[in-house]
Amino acid sequence: MQLHSFFNSSTSYRVRIALALKGLAYETLPVNIRVGEHREADYVASVNPSATVPALVDRDFRLGQSLAIIDYLDQKYPEPRLIPLEPGLRARVLELASLISCDIHPVNNLRVLRYLETELKVTPQQKSAWYRHWIAEGMAGVERMLERSNAGAWCFGAQPTLADVCLAPQIANALRMDCDLSPYPRSLAVYAHASKHPAFDAAQPQRQPDYIA
């Protein structure tokens, strides 16, 4: 398998965690979204029509969008399962993963932040305020979900799920952007626990071949 990825993309980070948890070997094909490589005609035409990262290539099958990729991996390589089969637990995992992937990440990704700068001409201070506002809005919901579940070291149950796979990169990005995460102790505890796991550690941005300090 091949993974078209950018080291600092939280969506790529999610897929790297999933691949590592499942023990699947893959080749990293870096796509530098900072310089627009994801928009190059050949990449869009032959790899990912959504012009984003990540994109997974599994022989002759190509797939974009991190949650779709992880669901595909779960169906084809079900151990360990990241999206549970039991309906209630499955729903809870998808609820938290959706909050992160649909409510937090899209408004703070690179293309939105660049639009704020280049088109709306916001100041660096305004851009930071925007980022921190949406982190606070979303993480408050995540924290309430984790308090409701009252689970152990992971978001839900005794092993990592898609919820943890989404949460860890989101917190890593928020910390990189100097967001105050002290109001979310349960979320930080899950992140700290996950960071000690070999799969989560191997997927970190600084471990990637295209890492830029």
N, C-alpha and C. Protein backbone atom coordinates (compact mmCIF):
# COMPACT_ATOMS: atom_id res chain seq x y z
N MET A 1 0.83 -1.19 0.00
CA MET A 1 0.00 0.00 0.00
C MET A 1 0.87 1.25 0.00
N GLN A 2 0.29 2.31 -0.50
CA GLN A 2 0.95 3.61 -0.49
C GLN A 2 0.01 4.64 0.16
N LEU A 3 0.61 5.56 0.90
CA LEU A 3 -0.17 6.62 1.52
C LEU A 3 0.38 7.97 1.07
N HIS A 4 -0.42 8.70 0.33
CA HIS A 4 -0.09 10.08 0.00
C HIS A 4 -0.43 10.92 1.22
N SER A 5 0.56 11.57 1.77
CA SER A 5 0.42 12.14 3.10
C SER A 5 1.25 13.41 3.24
N PHE A 6 0.85 14.27 4.16
CA PHE A 6 1.68 15.41 4.56
C PHE A 6 1.90 15.30 6.06
N PHE A 7 3.12 15.48 6.49
CA PHE A 7 3.48 15.18 7.87
C PHE A 7 2.61 15.89 8.88
N ASN A 8 2.22 17.14 8.58
CA ASN A 8 1.51 17.95 9.57
C ASN A 8 0.00 17.98 9.34
N SER A 9 -0.49 17.19 8.42
CA SER A 9 -1.92 17.09 8.18
C SER A 9 -2.55 16.17 9.21
N SER A 10 -3.51 16.69 9.97
CA SER A 10 -4.12 15.85 11.00
C SER A 10 -4.93 14.71 10.40
N THR A 11 -5.48 14.91 9.19
CA THR A 11 -6.21 13.83 8.55
C THR A 11 -5.26 12.71 8.11
N SER A 12 -4.09 13.09 7.60
CA SER A 12 -3.07 12.08 7.28
C SER A 12 -2.61 11.37 8.55
N TYR A 13 -2.48 12.13 9.61
CA TYR A 13 -2.06 11.60 10.92
C TYR A 13 -3.03 10.52 11.37
N ARG A 14 -4.33 10.75 11.18
CA ARG A 14 -5.33 9.74 11.57
C ARG A 14 -5.08 8.42 10.85
N VAL A 15 -4.86 8.51 9.54
CA VAL A 15 -4.68 7.28 8.76
C VAL A 15 -3.37 6.59 9.13
N ARG A 16 -2.34 7.36 9.39
CA ARG A 16 -1.08 6.74 9.82
C ARG A 16 -1.27 5.97 11.12
N ILE A 17 -2.04 6.52 12.05
CA ILE A 17 -2.31 5.81 13.30
C ILE A 17 -3.04 4.51 13.02
N ALA A 18 -4.09 4.58 12.19
CA ALA A 18 -4.88 3.39 11.88
C ALA A 18 -4.02 2.30 11.24
N LEU A 19 -3.18 2.69 10.28
CA LEU A 19 -2.31 1.71 9.63
C LEU A 19 -1.34 1.09 10.64
N ALA A 20 -0.82 1.91 11.54
CA ALA A 20 0.12 1.39 12.54
C ALA A 20 -0.57 0.47 13.53
N LEU A 21 -1.78 0.84 13.94
CA LEU A 21 -2.52 -0.03 14.87
C LEU A 21 -2.79 -1.40 14.26
N LYS A 22 -3.05 -1.42 12.97
CA LYS A 22 -3.34 -2.68 12.28
C LYS A 22 -2.07 -3.40 11.81
N GLY A 23 -0.92 -2.78 12.02
CA GLY A 23 0.33 -3.41 11.64
C GLY A 23 0.51 -3.56 10.15
N LEU A 24 -0.04 -2.61 9.38
CA LEU A 24 0.02 -2.69 7.93
C LEU A 24 1.20 -1.89 7.39
N ALA A 25 1.99 -2.53 6.57
CA ALA A 25 3.14 -1.85 5.95
C ALA A 25 2.66 -0.98 4.79
N TYR A 26 3.29 0.16 4.63
CA TYR A 26 2.92 1.05 3.53
C TYR A 26 4.10 1.96 3.19
N GLU A 27 4.04 2.50 2.01
CA GLU A 27 5.04 3.46 1.55
C GLU A 27 4.45 4.87 1.65
N THR A 28 5.19 5.77 2.25
CA THR A 28 4.74 7.16 2.33
C THR A 28 5.16 7.92 1.08
N LEU A 29 4.17 8.55 0.44
CA LEU A 29 4.43 9.41 -0.71
C LEU A 29 4.07 10.83 -0.29
N PRO A 30 5.07 11.65 0.04
CA PRO A 30 4.78 12.99 0.57
C PRO A 30 4.10 13.89 -0.45
N VAL A 31 3.13 14.64 0.03
CA VAL A 31 2.43 15.65 -0.76
C VAL A 31 2.47 16.94 0.05
N ASN A 32 3.26 17.90 -0.39
CA ASN A 32 3.43 19.14 0.38
C ASN A 32 2.27 20.08 0.10
N ILE A 33 1.31 20.11 1.02
CA ILE A 33 0.14 20.96 0.81
C ILE A 33 0.46 22.44 1.03
N ARG A 34 1.58 22.73 1.67
CA ARG A 34 1.95 24.13 1.87
C ARG A 34 2.32 24.82 0.55
N VAL A 35 2.81 24.03 -0.40
CA VAL A 35 3.17 24.61 -1.69
C VAL A 35 2.21 24.20 -2.80
N GLY A 36 1.10 23.56 -2.42
CA GLY A 36 0.04 23.27 -3.38
C GLY A 36 0.19 22.01 -4.20
N GLU A 37 1.03 21.07 -3.74
CA GLU A 37 1.20 19.84 -4.52
C GLU A 37 -0.09 19.03 -4.61
N HIS A 38 -0.99 19.20 -3.64
CA HIS A 38 -2.25 18.47 -3.67
C HIS A 38 -3.20 18.96 -4.76
N ARG A 39 -2.90 20.12 -5.32
CA ARG A 39 -3.74 20.69 -6.39
C ARG A 39 -3.15 20.46 -7.79
N GLU A 40 -2.02 19.81 -7.87
CA GLU A 40 -1.42 19.58 -9.17
C GLU A 40 -2.30 18.64 -10.00
N ALA A 41 -2.37 18.91 -11.29
CA ALA A 41 -3.32 18.22 -12.16
C ALA A 41 -3.17 16.70 -12.13
N ASP A 42 -1.94 16.22 -12.14
CA ASP A 42 -1.72 14.78 -12.17
C ASP A 42 -2.20 14.12 -10.88
N TYR A 43 -1.94 14.77 -9.75
CA TYR A 43 -2.38 14.21 -8.46
C TYR A 43 -3.91 14.15 -8.41
N VAL A 44 -4.56 15.23 -8.82
CA VAL A 44 -6.03 15.27 -8.79
C VAL A 44 -6.63 14.25 -9.75
N ALA A 45 -6.04 14.12 -10.91
CA ALA A 45 -6.58 13.22 -11.93
C ALA A 45 -6.34 11.75 -11.63
N SER A 46 -5.17 11.44 -11.08
CA SER A 46 -4.79 10.03 -10.95
C SER A 46 -4.81 9.49 -9.53
N VAL A 47 -4.87 10.38 -8.54
CA VAL A 47 -4.80 9.92 -7.16
C VAL A 47 -6.02 10.30 -6.35
N ASN A 48 -6.31 11.60 -6.24
CA ASN A 48 -7.36 12.04 -5.33
C ASN A 48 -8.15 13.19 -5.95
N PRO A 49 -9.34 12.93 -6.45
CA PRO A 49 -10.13 13.97 -7.12
C PRO A 49 -10.57 15.10 -6.20
N SER A 50 -10.52 14.90 -4.90
CA SER A 50 -10.89 15.98 -3.97
C SER A 50 -9.75 16.94 -3.73
N ALA A 51 -8.57 16.66 -4.31
CA ALA A 51 -7.40 17.55 -4.19
C ALA A 51 -7.05 17.80 -2.73
N THR A 52 -6.96 16.73 -1.97
CA THR A 52 -6.61 16.80 -0.55
C THR A 52 -5.69 15.64 -0.20
N VAL A 53 -5.17 15.67 1.01
CA VAL A 53 -4.53 14.51 1.61
C VAL A 53 -5.37 14.13 2.82
N PRO A 54 -5.31 12.85 3.18
CA PRO A 54 -4.52 11.76 2.62
C PRO A 54 -5.23 11.09 1.44
N ALA A 55 -4.47 10.22 0.78
CA ALA A 55 -5.04 9.32 -0.21
C ALA A 55 -4.33 7.98 -0.08
N LEU A 56 -5.11 6.93 -0.05
CA LEU A 56 -4.56 5.58 0.08
C LEU A 56 -4.62 4.88 -1.27
N VAL A 57 -3.54 4.21 -1.62
CA VAL A 57 -3.50 3.39 -2.83
C VAL A 57 -3.25 1.95 -2.39
N ASP A 58 -4.22 1.10 -2.64
CA ASP A 58 -4.13 -0.32 -2.29
C ASP A 58 -4.26 -1.10 -3.59
N ARG A 59 -3.11 -1.42 -4.20
CA ARG A 59 -3.05 -2.02 -5.54
C ARG A 59 -3.72 -1.08 -6.54
N ASP A 60 -4.84 -1.48 -7.12
CA ASP A 60 -5.47 -0.62 -8.12
C ASP A 60 -6.63 0.20 -7.55
N PHE A 61 -6.76 0.20 -6.21
CA PHE A 61 -7.84 0.93 -5.56
C PHE A 61 -7.29 2.19 -4.91
N ARG A 62 -7.91 3.33 -5.23
CA ARG A 62 -7.49 4.62 -4.68
C ARG A 62 -8.64 5.24 -3.91
N LEU A 63 -8.32 5.80 -2.76
CA LEU A 63 -9.37 6.32 -1.89
C LEU A 63 -8.85 7.52 -1.11
N GLY A 64 -9.64 8.59 -1.08
CA GLY A 64 -9.34 9.76 -0.26
C GLY A 64 -10.29 9.84 0.93
N GLN A 65 -10.12 10.87 1.73
CA GLN A 65 -10.92 11.16 2.92
C GLN A 65 -10.59 10.17 4.05
N SER A 66 -10.07 10.71 5.14
CA SER A 66 -9.51 9.87 6.20
C SER A 66 -10.50 8.89 6.80
N LEU A 67 -11.73 9.33 7.05
CA LEU A 67 -12.69 8.42 7.68
C LEU A 67 -13.11 7.31 6.73
N ALA A 68 -13.23 7.63 5.44
CA ALA A 68 -13.53 6.58 4.47
C ALA A 68 -12.38 5.58 4.38
N ILE A 69 -11.15 6.09 4.43
CA ILE A 69 -9.98 5.20 4.38
C ILE A 69 -9.97 4.28 5.59
N ILE A 70 -10.21 4.83 6.77
CA ILE A 70 -10.16 4.02 7.98
C ILE A 70 -11.29 2.99 7.98
N ASP A 71 -12.47 3.36 7.50
CA ASP A 71 -13.55 2.39 7.38
C ASP A 71 -13.18 1.27 6.41
N TYR A 72 -12.56 1.63 5.30
CA TYR A 72 -12.09 0.64 4.32
C TYR A 72 -11.09 -0.32 4.97
N LEU A 73 -10.13 0.24 5.71
CA LEU A 73 -9.14 -0.61 6.38
C LEU A 73 -9.81 -1.52 7.40
N ASP A 74 -10.82 -1.00 8.09
CA ASP A 74 -11.53 -1.81 9.08
C ASP A 74 -12.26 -2.98 8.43
N GLN A 75 -12.82 -2.75 7.25
CA GLN A 75 -13.53 -3.81 6.56
C GLN A 75 -12.58 -4.85 5.98
N LYS A 76 -11.45 -4.39 5.46
CA LYS A 76 -10.53 -5.31 4.80
C LYS A 76 -9.55 -5.96 5.78
N TYR A 77 -9.18 -5.22 6.81
CA TYR A 77 -8.23 -5.71 7.81
C TYR A 77 -8.85 -5.48 9.19
N PRO A 78 -9.78 -6.33 9.62
CA PRO A 78 -10.63 -6.01 10.77
C PRO A 78 -9.98 -6.08 12.14
N GLU A 79 -8.75 -6.52 12.23
CA GLU A 79 -8.12 -6.61 13.55
C GLU A 79 -6.92 -5.67 13.66
N PRO A 80 -6.89 -4.86 14.71
CA PRO A 80 -7.97 -4.61 15.66
C PRO A 80 -9.03 -3.68 15.04
N ARG A 81 -10.26 -3.91 15.40
CA ARG A 81 -11.34 -3.10 14.84
C ARG A 81 -11.34 -1.72 15.48
N LEU A 82 -11.44 -0.70 14.65
CA LEU A 82 -11.43 0.69 15.13
C LEU A 82 -12.83 1.29 15.19
N ILE A 83 -13.75 0.77 14.37
CA ILE A 83 -15.14 1.19 14.41
C ILE A 83 -15.93 -0.01 14.93
N PRO A 84 -16.35 0.00 16.19
CA PRO A 84 -16.96 -1.18 16.79
C PRO A 84 -18.21 -1.66 16.05
N LEU A 85 -18.52 -2.92 16.24
CA LEU A 85 -19.71 -3.50 15.62
C LEU A 85 -20.96 -3.32 16.49
N GLU A 86 -20.79 -3.34 17.80
CA GLU A 86 -21.95 -3.21 18.69
C GLU A 86 -22.60 -1.85 18.45
N PRO A 87 -23.91 -1.80 18.18
CA PRO A 87 -24.53 -0.55 17.72
C PRO A 87 -24.35 0.65 18.64
N GLY A 88 -24.53 0.46 19.94
CA GLY A 88 -24.41 1.59 20.86
C GLY A 88 -23.00 2.15 20.91
N LEU A 89 -22.03 1.26 21.05
CA LEU A 89 -20.63 1.70 21.11
C LEU A 89 -20.20 2.29 19.77
N ARG A 90 -20.62 1.67 18.68
CA ARG A 90 -20.31 2.20 17.35
C ARG A 90 -20.82 3.63 17.21
N ALA A 91 -22.06 3.86 17.66
CA ALA A 91 -22.65 5.19 17.56
C ALA A 91 -21.88 6.22 18.38
N ARG A 92 -21.47 5.84 19.58
CA ARG A 92 -20.72 6.77 20.43
C ARG A 92 -19.37 7.12 19.79
N VAL A 93 -18.69 6.12 19.26
CA VAL A 93 -17.39 6.35 18.62
C VAL A 93 -17.55 7.27 17.42
N LEU A 94 -18.55 7.01 16.60
CA LEU A 94 -18.77 7.84 15.42
C LEU A 94 -19.23 9.25 15.79
N GLU A 95 -19.96 9.36 16.90
CA GLU A 95 -20.41 10.68 17.36
C GLU A 95 -19.21 11.56 17.69
N LEU A 96 -18.26 11.03 18.46
CA LEU A 96 -17.10 11.84 18.84
C LEU A 96 -16.20 12.09 17.63
N ALA A 97 -15.98 11.05 16.82
CA ALA A 97 -15.14 11.22 15.64
C ALA A 97 -15.73 12.25 14.68
N SER A 98 -17.06 12.26 14.57
CA SER A 98 -17.72 13.23 13.69
C SER A 98 -17.61 14.64 14.22
N LEU A 99 -17.69 14.81 15.53
CA LEU A 99 -17.53 16.14 16.11
C LEU A 99 -16.17 16.73 15.72
N ILE A 100 -15.14 15.89 15.82
CA ILE A 100 -13.80 16.37 15.48
C ILE A 100 -13.65 16.57 13.98
N SER A 101 -14.06 15.58 13.21
CA SER A 101 -13.80 15.62 11.77
C SER A 101 -14.74 16.55 11.01
N CYS A 102 -15.92 16.83 11.57
CA CYS A 102 -16.89 17.68 10.86
C CYS A 102 -17.04 19.07 11.46
N ASP A 103 -16.88 19.19 12.78
CA ASP A 103 -17.12 20.48 13.44
C ASP A 103 -15.85 21.26 13.76
N ILE A 104 -14.77 20.56 14.14
CA ILE A 104 -13.54 21.26 14.54
C ILE A 104 -12.57 21.41 13.37
N HIS A 105 -12.20 20.29 12.79
CA HIS A 105 -11.14 20.31 11.78
C HIS A 105 -11.43 21.17 10.56
N PRO A 106 -12.62 21.09 9.95
CA PRO A 106 -12.80 21.81 8.68
C PRO A 106 -12.65 23.32 8.77
N VAL A 107 -13.03 23.92 9.90
CA VAL A 107 -12.96 25.39 9.99
C VAL A 107 -11.57 25.88 10.34
N ASN A 108 -10.67 24.96 10.70
CA ASN A 108 -9.33 25.36 11.09
C ASN A 108 -8.24 24.73 10.22
N ASN A 109 -8.62 24.18 9.07
CA ASN A 109 -7.58 23.57 8.25
C ASN A 109 -6.83 24.62 7.44
N LEU A 110 -5.80 24.19 6.76
CA LEU A 110 -4.87 25.14 6.12
C LEU A 110 -5.57 26.02 5.09
N ARG A 111 -6.45 25.45 4.28
CA ARG A 111 -7.05 26.26 3.22
C ARG A 111 -7.98 27.33 3.78
N VAL A 112 -8.65 27.04 4.90
CA VAL A 112 -9.50 28.05 5.53
C VAL A 112 -8.66 29.16 6.14
N LEU A 113 -7.59 28.78 6.84
CA LEU A 113 -6.73 29.78 7.46
C LEU A 113 -6.07 30.66 6.40
N ARG A 114 -5.69 30.07 5.28
CA ARG A 114 -5.09 30.86 4.20
C ARG A 114 -6.12 31.80 3.58
N TYR A 115 -7.35 31.36 3.45
CA TYR A 115 -8.39 32.22 2.91
C TYR A 115 -8.62 33.42 3.82
N LEU A 116 -8.61 33.17 5.13
CA LEU A 116 -8.76 34.26 6.08
C LEU A 116 -7.66 35.30 5.88
N GLU A 117 -6.43 34.81 5.66
CA GLU A 117 -5.29 35.71 5.49
C GLU A 117 -5.29 36.43 4.15
N THR A 118 -5.43 35.66 3.08
CA THR A 118 -5.21 36.22 1.75
C THR A 118 -6.42 36.93 1.17
N GLU A 119 -7.61 36.44 1.47
CA GLU A 119 -8.82 37.01 0.89
C GLU A 119 -9.53 37.98 1.83
N LEU A 120 -9.63 37.61 3.09
CA LEU A 120 -10.33 38.46 4.05
C LEU A 120 -9.39 39.41 4.79
N LYS A 121 -8.08 39.20 4.60
CA LYS A 121 -7.06 40.11 5.13
C LYS A 121 -7.13 40.26 6.65
N VAL A 122 -7.37 39.15 7.34
CA VAL A 122 -7.38 39.23 8.79
C VAL A 122 -5.94 39.35 9.29
N THR A 123 -5.77 39.89 10.48
CA THR A 123 -4.46 40.00 11.08
C THR A 123 -4.04 38.66 11.67
N PRO A 124 -2.75 38.47 11.95
CA PRO A 124 -2.33 37.23 12.62
C PRO A 124 -3.05 37.02 13.94
N GLN A 125 -3.31 38.11 14.66
CA GLN A 125 -4.01 38.00 15.93
C GLN A 125 -5.46 37.54 15.72
N GLN A 126 -6.10 38.04 14.69
CA GLN A 126 -7.47 37.62 14.39
C GLN A 126 -7.51 36.16 13.94
N LYS A 127 -6.52 35.76 13.17
CA LYS A 127 -6.47 34.36 12.74
C LYS A 127 -6.31 33.44 13.95
N SER A 128 -5.44 33.80 14.88
CA SER A 128 -5.25 33.00 16.08
C SER A 128 -6.53 32.95 16.92
N ALA A 129 -7.20 34.08 17.00
CA ALA A 129 -8.46 34.13 17.77
C ALA A 129 -9.50 33.21 17.13
N TRP A 130 -9.57 33.22 15.80
CA TRP A 130 -10.48 32.33 15.08
C TRP A 130 -10.17 30.87 15.43
N TYR A 131 -8.92 30.48 15.30
CA TYR A 131 -8.50 29.11 15.55
C TYR A 131 -8.86 28.69 16.98
N ARG A 132 -8.50 29.52 17.93
CA ARG A 132 -8.73 29.16 19.32
C ARG A 132 -10.21 29.12 19.67
N HIS A 133 -11.00 29.98 19.04
CA HIS A 133 -12.45 29.97 19.29
C HIS A 133 -13.05 28.62 18.91
N TRP A 134 -12.72 28.12 17.72
CA TRP A 134 -13.33 26.89 17.25
C TRP A 134 -12.78 25.67 17.97
N ILE A 135 -11.52 25.75 18.41
CA ILE A 135 -11.00 24.67 19.26
C ILE A 135 -11.78 24.62 20.57
N ALA A 136 -11.99 25.77 21.18
CA ALA A 136 -12.73 25.81 22.45
C ALA A 136 -14.16 25.31 22.27
N GLU A 137 -14.82 25.74 21.21
CA GLU A 137 -16.19 25.30 20.94
C GLU A 137 -16.26 23.78 20.81
N GLY A 138 -15.36 23.24 19.99
CA GLY A 138 -15.41 21.81 19.73
C GLY A 138 -14.93 20.95 20.88
N MET A 139 -13.82 21.37 21.50
CA MET A 139 -13.26 20.56 22.58
C MET A 139 -14.15 20.52 23.81
N ALA A 140 -14.93 21.56 24.02
CA ALA A 140 -15.90 21.52 25.13
C ALA A 140 -16.89 20.38 24.92
N GLY A 141 -17.32 20.19 23.67
CA GLY A 141 -18.22 19.09 23.36
C GLY A 141 -17.54 17.74 23.52
N VAL A 142 -16.30 17.64 23.05
CA VAL A 142 -15.55 16.39 23.22
C VAL A 142 -15.43 16.04 24.69
N GLU A 143 -15.09 17.03 25.50
CA GLU A 143 -14.90 16.78 26.93
C GLU A 143 -16.20 16.29 27.57
N ARG A 144 -17.32 16.88 27.19
CA ARG A 144 -18.60 16.43 27.76
C ARG A 144 -18.92 15.00 27.33
N MET A 145 -18.60 14.66 26.09
CA MET A 145 -18.82 13.29 25.64
C MET A 145 -17.97 12.29 26.43
N LEU A 146 -16.72 12.65 26.67
CA LEU A 146 -15.85 11.76 27.43
C LEU A 146 -16.28 11.64 28.88
N GLU A 147 -16.75 12.74 29.46
CA GLU A 147 -17.27 12.68 30.82
C GLU A 147 -18.50 11.78 30.89
N ARG A 148 -19.36 11.86 29.88
CA ARG A 148 -20.56 11.02 29.84
C ARG A 148 -20.19 9.54 29.73
N SER A 149 -19.17 9.24 28.92
CA SER A 149 -18.80 7.84 28.73
C SER A 149 -18.12 7.26 29.97
N ASN A 150 -17.40 8.13 30.69
CA ASN A 150 -16.72 7.71 31.92
C ASN A 150 -15.92 6.42 31.70
N ALA A 151 -15.20 6.37 30.57
CA ALA A 151 -14.44 5.17 30.22
C ALA A 151 -13.08 5.20 30.91
N GLY A 152 -12.20 4.32 30.48
CA GLY A 152 -10.88 4.23 31.09
C GLY A 152 -9.88 5.14 30.41
N ALA A 153 -8.73 4.56 30.08
CA ALA A 153 -7.65 5.37 29.52
C ALA A 153 -7.95 5.82 28.09
N TRP A 154 -8.77 5.06 27.36
CA TRP A 154 -9.15 5.42 26.01
C TRP A 154 -10.51 6.10 26.01
N CYS A 155 -10.90 6.64 24.88
CA CYS A 155 -12.19 7.34 24.81
C CYS A 155 -13.35 6.44 25.18
N PHE A 156 -13.34 5.23 24.62
CA PHE A 156 -14.44 4.30 24.85
C PHE A 156 -13.87 2.88 24.95
N GLY A 157 -14.06 2.26 26.08
CA GLY A 157 -13.62 0.88 26.21
C GLY A 157 -12.15 0.72 26.52
N ALA A 158 -11.68 -0.51 26.34
CA ALA A 158 -10.34 -0.88 26.78
C ALA A 158 -9.30 -0.83 25.68
N GLN A 159 -9.68 -0.39 24.48
CA GLN A 159 -8.71 -0.33 23.39
C GLN A 159 -9.00 0.89 22.53
N PRO A 160 -8.02 1.33 21.76
CA PRO A 160 -8.24 2.52 20.92
C PRO A 160 -9.28 2.26 19.83
N THR A 161 -10.04 3.30 19.55
CA THR A 161 -11.04 3.25 18.48
C THR A 161 -10.82 4.46 17.56
N LEU A 162 -11.71 4.58 16.61
CA LEU A 162 -11.67 5.74 15.71
C LEU A 162 -11.72 7.05 16.48
N ALA A 163 -12.40 7.05 17.62
CA ALA A 163 -12.47 8.27 18.43
C ALA A 163 -11.09 8.72 18.87
N ASP A 164 -10.28 7.80 19.34
CA ASP A 164 -8.92 8.12 19.77
C ASP A 164 -8.04 8.50 18.57
N VAL A 165 -8.26 7.82 17.45
CA VAL A 165 -7.51 8.09 16.23
C VAL A 165 -7.76 9.51 15.74
N CYS A 166 -8.97 10.03 15.97
CA CYS A 166 -9.27 11.41 15.59
C CYS A 166 -8.84 12.41 16.66
N LEU A 167 -8.99 12.03 17.91
CA LEU A 167 -8.71 12.96 19.01
C LEU A 167 -7.23 13.31 19.11
N ALA A 168 -6.36 12.33 19.02
CA ALA A 168 -4.93 12.58 19.23
C ALA A 168 -4.37 13.62 18.25
N PRO A 169 -4.61 13.50 16.94
CA PRO A 169 -4.09 14.54 16.03
C PRO A 169 -4.70 15.91 16.27
N GLN A 170 -5.98 15.95 16.66
CA GLN A 170 -6.61 17.24 16.90
C GLN A 170 -5.98 17.95 18.09
N ILE A 171 -5.71 17.21 19.14
CA ILE A 171 -5.06 17.82 20.30
C ILE A 171 -3.62 18.21 19.96
N ALA A 172 -2.92 17.39 19.22
CA ALA A 172 -1.55 17.73 18.82
C ALA A 172 -1.53 19.05 18.06
N ASN A 173 -2.47 19.24 17.15
CA ASN A 173 -2.53 20.50 16.40
C ASN A 173 -2.87 21.67 17.31
N ALA A 174 -3.81 21.47 18.21
CA ALA A 174 -4.19 22.55 19.12
C ALA A 174 -3.03 22.96 20.02
N LEU A 175 -2.26 22.00 20.47
CA LEU A 175 -1.09 22.31 21.29
C LEU A 175 -0.04 23.06 20.45
N ARG A 176 0.12 22.64 19.20
CA ARG A 176 1.08 23.33 18.32
C ARG A 176 0.68 24.78 18.09
N MET A 177 -0.61 25.04 18.11
CA MET A 177 -1.12 26.40 17.90
C MET A 177 -1.30 27.16 19.21
N ASP A 178 -0.74 26.63 20.29
CA ASP A 178 -0.74 27.29 21.60
C ASP A 178 -2.15 27.55 22.14
N CYS A 179 -3.05 26.62 21.89
CA CYS A 179 -4.39 26.73 22.47
C CYS A 179 -4.36 26.28 23.93
N ASP A 180 -5.18 26.91 24.74
CA ASP A 180 -5.29 26.52 26.14
C ASP A 180 -6.23 25.32 26.24
N LEU A 181 -5.67 24.18 26.56
CA LEU A 181 -6.47 22.96 26.67
C LEU A 181 -6.71 22.54 28.11
N SER A 182 -6.33 23.39 29.06
CA SER A 182 -6.51 23.04 30.47
C SER A 182 -7.96 22.79 30.86
N PRO A 183 -8.96 23.39 30.18
CA PRO A 183 -10.34 23.07 30.55
C PRO A 183 -10.80 21.67 30.14
N TYR A 184 -9.91 20.90 29.49
CA TYR A 184 -10.33 19.60 28.95
C TYR A 184 -9.43 18.48 29.49
N PRO A 185 -9.43 18.27 30.80
CA PRO A 185 -8.49 17.31 31.41
C PRO A 185 -8.71 15.87 30.96
N ARG A 186 -9.96 15.49 30.73
CA ARG A 186 -10.21 14.12 30.29
C ARG A 186 -9.62 13.90 28.89
N SER A 187 -9.80 14.88 28.02
CA SER A 187 -9.25 14.78 26.67
C SER A 187 -7.73 14.71 26.70
N LEU A 188 -7.12 15.54 27.55
CA LEU A 188 -5.66 15.54 27.67
C LEU A 188 -5.15 14.23 28.23
N ALA A 189 -5.91 13.62 29.14
CA ALA A 189 -5.50 12.33 29.70
C ALA A 189 -5.51 11.25 28.63
N VAL A 190 -6.53 11.24 27.77
CA VAL A 190 -6.57 10.28 26.67
C VAL A 190 -5.39 10.52 25.73
N TYR A 191 -5.12 11.78 25.43
CA TYR A 191 -4.00 12.10 24.54
C TYR A 191 -2.67 11.64 25.14
N ALA A 192 -2.47 11.88 26.42
CA ALA A 192 -1.22 11.47 27.07
C ALA A 192 -1.07 9.95 27.04
N HIS A 193 -2.16 9.25 27.28
CA HIS A 193 -2.12 7.79 27.23
C HIS A 193 -1.83 7.30 25.82
N ALA A 194 -2.50 7.89 24.84
CA ALA A 194 -2.31 7.48 23.45
C ALA A 194 -0.88 7.73 22.99
N SER A 195 -0.29 8.82 23.44
CA SER A 195 1.06 9.19 23.00
C SER A 195 2.10 8.16 23.40
N LYS A 196 1.79 7.36 24.41
CA LYS A 196 2.72 6.32 24.86
C LYS A 196 2.59 5.03 24.06
N HIS A 197 1.52 4.93 23.27
CA HIS A 197 1.29 3.73 22.48
C HIS A 197 2.20 3.75 21.24
N PRO A 198 2.86 2.64 20.92
CA PRO A 198 3.79 2.64 19.79
C PRO A 198 3.17 3.09 18.47
N ALA A 199 1.92 2.73 18.20
CA ALA A 199 1.29 3.11 16.93
C ALA A 199 1.06 4.61 16.85
N PHE A 200 0.61 5.19 17.93
CA PHE A 200 0.38 6.64 17.96
C PHE A 200 1.71 7.38 17.89
N ASP A 201 2.71 6.85 18.57
CA ASP A 201 4.03 7.48 18.56
C ASP A 201 4.64 7.44 17.16
N ALA A 202 4.54 6.31 16.48
CA ALA A 202 5.13 6.17 15.15
C ALA A 202 4.46 7.08 14.12
N ALA A 203 3.20 7.44 14.38
CA ALA A 203 2.45 8.26 13.43
C ALA A 203 2.65 9.75 13.63
N GLN A 204 3.37 10.15 14.66
CA GLN A 204 3.55 11.58 14.95
C GLN A 204 4.23 12.30 13.78
N PRO A 205 3.90 13.57 13.59
CA PRO A 205 4.49 14.33 12.48
C PRO A 205 6.01 14.30 12.43
N GLN A 206 6.65 14.44 13.59
CA GLN A 206 8.10 14.52 13.61
C GLN A 206 8.77 13.19 13.25
N ARG A 207 8.01 12.12 13.17
CA ARG A 207 8.56 10.82 12.80
C ARG A 207 8.46 10.56 11.30
N GLN A 208 7.87 11.47 10.55
CA GLN A 208 7.58 11.23 9.14
C GLN A 208 8.76 11.64 8.25
N PRO A 209 8.92 10.97 7.10
CA PRO A 209 10.07 11.27 6.24
C PRO A 209 10.04 12.66 5.62
N ASP A 210 8.84 13.27 5.57
CA ASP A 210 8.75 14.62 4.99
C ASP A 210 8.68 15.70 6.05
N TYR A 211 9.03 15.36 7.29
CA TYR A 211 8.95 16.32 8.39
C TYR A 211 9.80 17.57 8.11
N ILE A 212 9.20 18.72 8.37
CA ILE A 212 9.91 19.99 8.25
C ILE A 212 9.90 20.65 9.61
N ALA A 213 11.05 20.90 10.18
CA ALA A 213 11.12 21.47 11.52
C ALA A 213 10.60 22.91 11.53
